[in-house]
């Protein structure tokens, strides 16, 4: 248990942030899985790619994931989409 009022407030803030970050990461994972299924189903992955890009950019902008991690994942997705198209 926190001993001071500021520690109690920081605990509340960190719990709220943790909950938000977990939700964003969960949604991001689901979006990436839907992209993978679109690629493996031989469907046009462009719509899934666009949605995944949006989720990655938003997570990076909010500080949930590192911007370089988002850029790396976007590169991997683009590579997979190009490979699936060919």
N, C-alpha and C. Protein backbone atom coordinates (compact mmCIF):
# COMPACT_ATOMS: atom_id res chain seq x y z
N UNK A 1 0.84 -1.19 0.00
CA UNK A 1 0.00 0.00 0.00
C UNK A 1 0.89 1.25 0.00
N UNK A 2 0.45 2.26 -0.74
CA UNK A 2 1.21 3.51 -0.76
C UNK A 2 1.09 4.24 0.59
N UNK A 3 2.16 4.93 0.93
CA UNK A 3 2.18 5.63 2.22
C UNK A 3 1.75 7.09 2.10
N UNK A 4 1.96 7.70 0.96
CA UNK A 4 1.62 9.11 0.82
C UNK A 4 0.50 9.30 -0.19
N UNK A 5 -0.08 10.47 -0.17
CA UNK A 5 -1.18 10.77 -1.10
C UNK A 5 -0.69 10.76 -2.53
N UNK A 6 0.51 11.27 -2.76
CA UNK A 6 1.04 11.31 -4.13
C UNK A 6 1.34 9.89 -4.63
N UNK A 7 1.79 9.03 -3.74
CA UNK A 7 2.05 7.65 -4.13
C UNK A 7 0.74 6.93 -4.46
N UNK A 8 -0.30 7.25 -3.71
CA UNK A 8 -1.61 6.65 -3.99
C UNK A 8 -2.13 7.12 -5.35
N UNK A 9 -1.95 8.39 -5.64
CA UNK A 9 -2.39 8.93 -6.91
C UNK A 9 -1.59 8.31 -8.06
N UNK A 10 -0.28 8.19 -7.86
CA UNK A 10 0.55 7.57 -8.91
C UNK A 10 0.15 6.12 -9.14
N UNK A 11 -0.25 5.42 -8.10
CA UNK A 11 -0.70 4.05 -8.25
C UNK A 11 -1.98 4.00 -9.09
N UNK A 12 -2.91 4.90 -8.81
CA UNK A 12 -4.15 4.95 -9.59
C UNK A 12 -3.86 5.26 -11.06
N UNK A 13 -2.96 6.23 -11.29
CA UNK A 13 -2.60 6.60 -12.66
C UNK A 13 -1.96 5.43 -13.40
N UNK A 14 -1.05 4.76 -12.72
CA UNK A 14 -0.35 3.66 -13.39
C UNK A 14 -1.29 2.50 -13.69
N UNK A 15 -2.25 2.24 -12.82
CA UNK A 15 -3.23 1.18 -13.09
C UNK A 15 -4.09 1.53 -14.30
N UNK A 16 -4.50 2.80 -14.38
CA UNK A 16 -5.31 3.23 -15.52
C UNK A 16 -4.52 3.14 -16.81
N UNK A 17 -3.25 3.57 -16.78
CA UNK A 17 -2.41 3.51 -17.97
C UNK A 17 -2.13 2.06 -18.38
N UNK A 18 -1.91 1.22 -17.40
CA UNK A 18 -1.65 -0.19 -17.68
C UNK A 18 -2.85 -0.83 -18.36
N UNK A 19 -4.04 -0.50 -17.87
CA UNK A 19 -5.26 -1.04 -18.47
C UNK A 19 -5.42 -0.56 -19.91
N UNK A 20 -5.17 0.72 -20.14
CA UNK A 20 -5.27 1.28 -21.49
C UNK A 20 -4.25 0.62 -22.42
N UNK A 21 -3.01 0.51 -21.95
CA UNK A 21 -1.95 -0.07 -22.78
C UNK A 21 -2.24 -1.53 -23.11
N UNK A 22 -2.77 -2.27 -22.16
CA UNK A 22 -3.10 -3.68 -22.41
C UNK A 22 -4.20 -3.78 -23.46
N UNK A 23 -5.19 -2.90 -23.39
CA UNK A 23 -6.27 -2.92 -24.38
C UNK A 23 -5.75 -2.59 -25.77
N UNK A 24 -4.88 -1.60 -25.86
CA UNK A 24 -4.33 -1.21 -27.16
C UNK A 24 -3.49 -2.34 -27.73
N UNK A 25 -2.67 -2.96 -26.90
CA UNK A 25 -1.83 -4.06 -27.37
C UNK A 25 -2.67 -5.25 -27.80
N UNK A 26 -3.75 -5.52 -27.08
CA UNK A 26 -4.64 -6.62 -27.45
C UNK A 26 -5.28 -6.35 -28.81
N UNK A 27 -5.79 -5.13 -29.00
CA UNK A 27 -6.40 -4.77 -30.28
C UNK A 27 -5.39 -4.84 -31.41
N UNK A 28 -4.17 -4.43 -31.13
CA UNK A 28 -3.12 -4.47 -32.14
C UNK A 28 -2.81 -5.91 -32.54
N UNK A 29 -2.72 -6.80 -31.56
CA UNK A 29 -2.48 -8.21 -31.86
C UNK A 29 -3.61 -8.80 -32.70
N UNK A 30 -4.85 -8.45 -32.37
CA UNK A 30 -5.99 -8.96 -33.14
C UNK A 30 -5.94 -8.45 -34.58
N UNK A 31 -5.56 -7.20 -34.76
CA UNK A 31 -5.46 -6.62 -36.10
C UNK A 31 -4.36 -7.31 -36.91
N UNK A 32 -3.24 -7.59 -36.27
CA UNK A 32 -2.15 -8.27 -36.96
C UNK A 32 -2.53 -9.71 -37.32
N UNK A 33 -3.31 -10.36 -36.45
CA UNK A 33 -3.78 -11.70 -36.77
C UNK A 33 -4.74 -11.68 -37.95
N UNK A 34 -5.60 -10.67 -38.00
CA UNK A 34 -6.54 -10.58 -39.13
C UNK A 34 -5.79 -10.31 -40.43
N UNK A 35 -4.68 -9.57 -40.36
CA UNK A 35 -3.85 -9.37 -41.54
C UNK A 35 -3.25 -10.70 -41.99
N UNK A 36 -2.75 -11.48 -41.03
CA UNK A 36 -2.17 -12.78 -41.37
C UNK A 36 -3.20 -13.71 -42.01
N UNK A 37 -4.41 -13.69 -41.50
CA UNK A 37 -5.44 -14.54 -42.10
C UNK A 37 -5.81 -14.05 -43.49
N UNK A 38 -5.78 -12.75 -43.71
CA UNK A 38 -6.07 -12.22 -45.04
C UNK A 38 -4.98 -12.63 -46.02
N UNK A 39 -3.74 -12.66 -45.57
CA UNK A 39 -2.63 -13.06 -46.44
C UNK A 39 -2.69 -14.55 -46.73
N UNK A 40 -2.95 -15.36 -45.71
CA UNK A 40 -2.97 -16.80 -45.92
C UNK A 40 -4.21 -17.25 -46.70
N UNK A 41 -5.29 -16.48 -46.64
CA UNK A 41 -6.51 -16.83 -47.37
C UNK A 41 -6.44 -16.40 -48.83
N UNK A 42 -5.30 -15.86 -49.24
CA UNK A 42 -5.09 -15.40 -50.62
C UNK A 42 -6.08 -14.30 -51.01
N UNK A 43 -6.62 -13.61 -50.02
CA UNK A 43 -7.47 -12.45 -50.28
C UNK A 43 -6.57 -11.24 -50.50
N UNK A 44 -7.17 -10.14 -50.96
CA UNK A 44 -6.39 -8.92 -51.15
C UNK A 44 -6.08 -8.32 -49.78
N UNK A 45 -4.83 -8.30 -49.38
CA UNK A 45 -4.50 -7.87 -48.02
C UNK A 45 -4.42 -6.35 -47.85
N UNK A 46 -4.75 -5.58 -48.87
CA UNK A 46 -4.55 -4.13 -48.77
C UNK A 46 -5.43 -3.48 -47.71
N UNK A 47 -6.68 -3.93 -47.59
CA UNK A 47 -7.56 -3.35 -46.57
C UNK A 47 -7.06 -3.71 -45.17
N UNK A 48 -6.64 -4.95 -44.99
CA UNK A 48 -6.12 -5.37 -43.69
C UNK A 48 -4.80 -4.67 -43.40
N UNK A 49 -4.00 -4.42 -44.44
CA UNK A 49 -2.73 -3.72 -44.26
C UNK A 49 -2.97 -2.29 -43.80
N UNK A 50 -3.94 -1.64 -44.40
CA UNK A 50 -4.25 -0.25 -44.03
C UNK A 50 -4.72 -0.17 -42.57
N UNK A 51 -5.58 -1.10 -42.18
CA UNK A 51 -6.08 -1.10 -40.80
C UNK A 51 -4.95 -1.38 -39.81
N UNK A 52 -4.06 -2.29 -40.17
CA UNK A 52 -2.93 -2.60 -39.29
C UNK A 52 -2.00 -1.40 -39.16
N UNK A 53 -1.76 -0.71 -40.28
CA UNK A 53 -0.94 0.50 -40.24
C UNK A 53 -1.53 1.53 -39.29
N UNK A 54 -2.85 1.72 -39.34
CA UNK A 54 -3.49 2.70 -38.48
C UNK A 54 -3.32 2.35 -37.01
N UNK A 55 -3.51 1.07 -36.68
CA UNK A 55 -3.36 0.64 -35.29
C UNK A 55 -1.92 0.82 -34.81
N UNK A 56 -0.96 0.46 -35.67
CA UNK A 56 0.44 0.61 -35.30
C UNK A 56 0.81 2.07 -35.09
N UNK A 57 0.37 2.93 -36.01
CA UNK A 57 0.70 4.35 -35.89
C UNK A 57 0.10 4.96 -34.64
N UNK A 58 -1.13 4.58 -34.33
CA UNK A 58 -1.78 5.14 -33.16
C UNK A 58 -1.10 4.67 -31.87
N UNK A 59 -0.74 3.39 -31.83
CA UNK A 59 -0.07 2.86 -30.65
C UNK A 59 1.29 3.53 -30.46
N UNK A 60 2.00 3.78 -31.55
CA UNK A 60 3.30 4.43 -31.44
C UNK A 60 3.14 5.89 -31.03
N UNK A 61 2.14 6.56 -31.56
CA UNK A 61 1.92 7.96 -31.22
C UNK A 61 1.55 8.14 -29.75
N UNK A 62 0.82 7.18 -29.20
CA UNK A 62 0.41 7.26 -27.80
C UNK A 62 1.47 6.73 -26.84
N UNK A 63 2.56 6.19 -27.38
CA UNK A 63 3.63 5.72 -26.52
C UNK A 63 3.42 4.32 -25.98
N UNK A 64 2.47 3.58 -26.55
CA UNK A 64 2.23 2.22 -26.08
C UNK A 64 3.35 1.31 -26.57
N UNK A 65 3.77 1.49 -27.82
CA UNK A 65 4.92 0.76 -28.34
C UNK A 65 5.93 1.78 -28.86
N UNK A 66 7.15 1.36 -29.02
CA UNK A 66 8.20 2.26 -29.48
C UNK A 66 7.98 2.57 -30.96
N UNK A 67 8.22 3.80 -31.39
CA UNK A 67 8.02 4.15 -32.81
C UNK A 67 8.86 3.30 -33.77
N UNK A 68 10.07 2.93 -33.35
CA UNK A 68 10.90 2.08 -34.21
C UNK A 68 10.30 0.68 -34.33
N UNK A 69 9.68 0.20 -33.28
CA UNK A 69 9.02 -1.11 -33.33
C UNK A 69 7.85 -1.07 -34.30
N UNK A 70 7.10 0.04 -34.28
CA UNK A 70 5.98 0.19 -35.20
C UNK A 70 6.48 0.24 -36.64
N UNK A 71 7.55 0.98 -36.88
CA UNK A 71 8.12 1.08 -38.23
C UNK A 71 8.62 -0.27 -38.71
N UNK A 72 9.26 -1.00 -37.82
CA UNK A 72 9.77 -2.33 -38.18
C UNK A 72 8.62 -3.27 -38.54
N UNK A 73 7.56 -3.24 -37.74
CA UNK A 73 6.42 -4.11 -37.99
C UNK A 73 5.71 -3.72 -39.29
N UNK A 74 5.62 -2.42 -39.56
CA UNK A 74 5.00 -1.97 -40.81
C UNK A 74 5.80 -2.45 -42.01
N UNK A 75 7.11 -2.43 -41.89
CA UNK A 75 7.97 -2.91 -42.97
C UNK A 75 7.75 -4.40 -43.20
N UNK A 76 7.66 -5.16 -42.12
CA UNK A 76 7.43 -6.59 -42.23
C UNK A 76 6.08 -6.89 -42.89
N UNK A 77 5.06 -6.11 -42.52
CA UNK A 77 3.72 -6.32 -43.09
C UNK A 77 3.70 -5.99 -44.57
N UNK A 78 4.38 -4.91 -44.94
CA UNK A 78 4.42 -4.53 -46.35
C UNK A 78 5.13 -5.60 -47.17
N UNK A 79 6.20 -6.14 -46.62
CA UNK A 79 6.94 -7.20 -47.28
C UNK A 79 6.06 -8.43 -47.48
N UNK A 80 5.30 -8.80 -46.44
CA UNK A 80 4.42 -9.96 -46.52
C UNK A 80 3.30 -9.72 -47.53
N UNK A 81 2.76 -8.49 -47.56
CA UNK A 81 1.69 -8.18 -48.51
C UNK A 81 2.19 -8.25 -49.94
N UNK A 82 3.40 -7.76 -50.18
CA UNK A 82 3.98 -7.81 -51.52
C UNK A 82 4.24 -9.24 -51.94
N UNK A 83 4.72 -10.04 -51.00
CA UNK A 83 5.00 -11.45 -51.30
C UNK A 83 3.70 -12.20 -51.59
N UNK A 84 2.64 -11.89 -50.87
CA UNK A 84 1.35 -12.56 -51.08
C UNK A 84 0.73 -12.17 -52.41
N UNK A 85 0.95 -10.93 -52.81
CA UNK A 85 0.40 -10.44 -54.07
C UNK A 85 1.07 -11.12 -55.27
N UNK A 86 2.36 -11.41 -55.14
CA UNK A 86 3.13 -11.99 -56.25
C UNK A 86 2.89 -13.48 -56.42
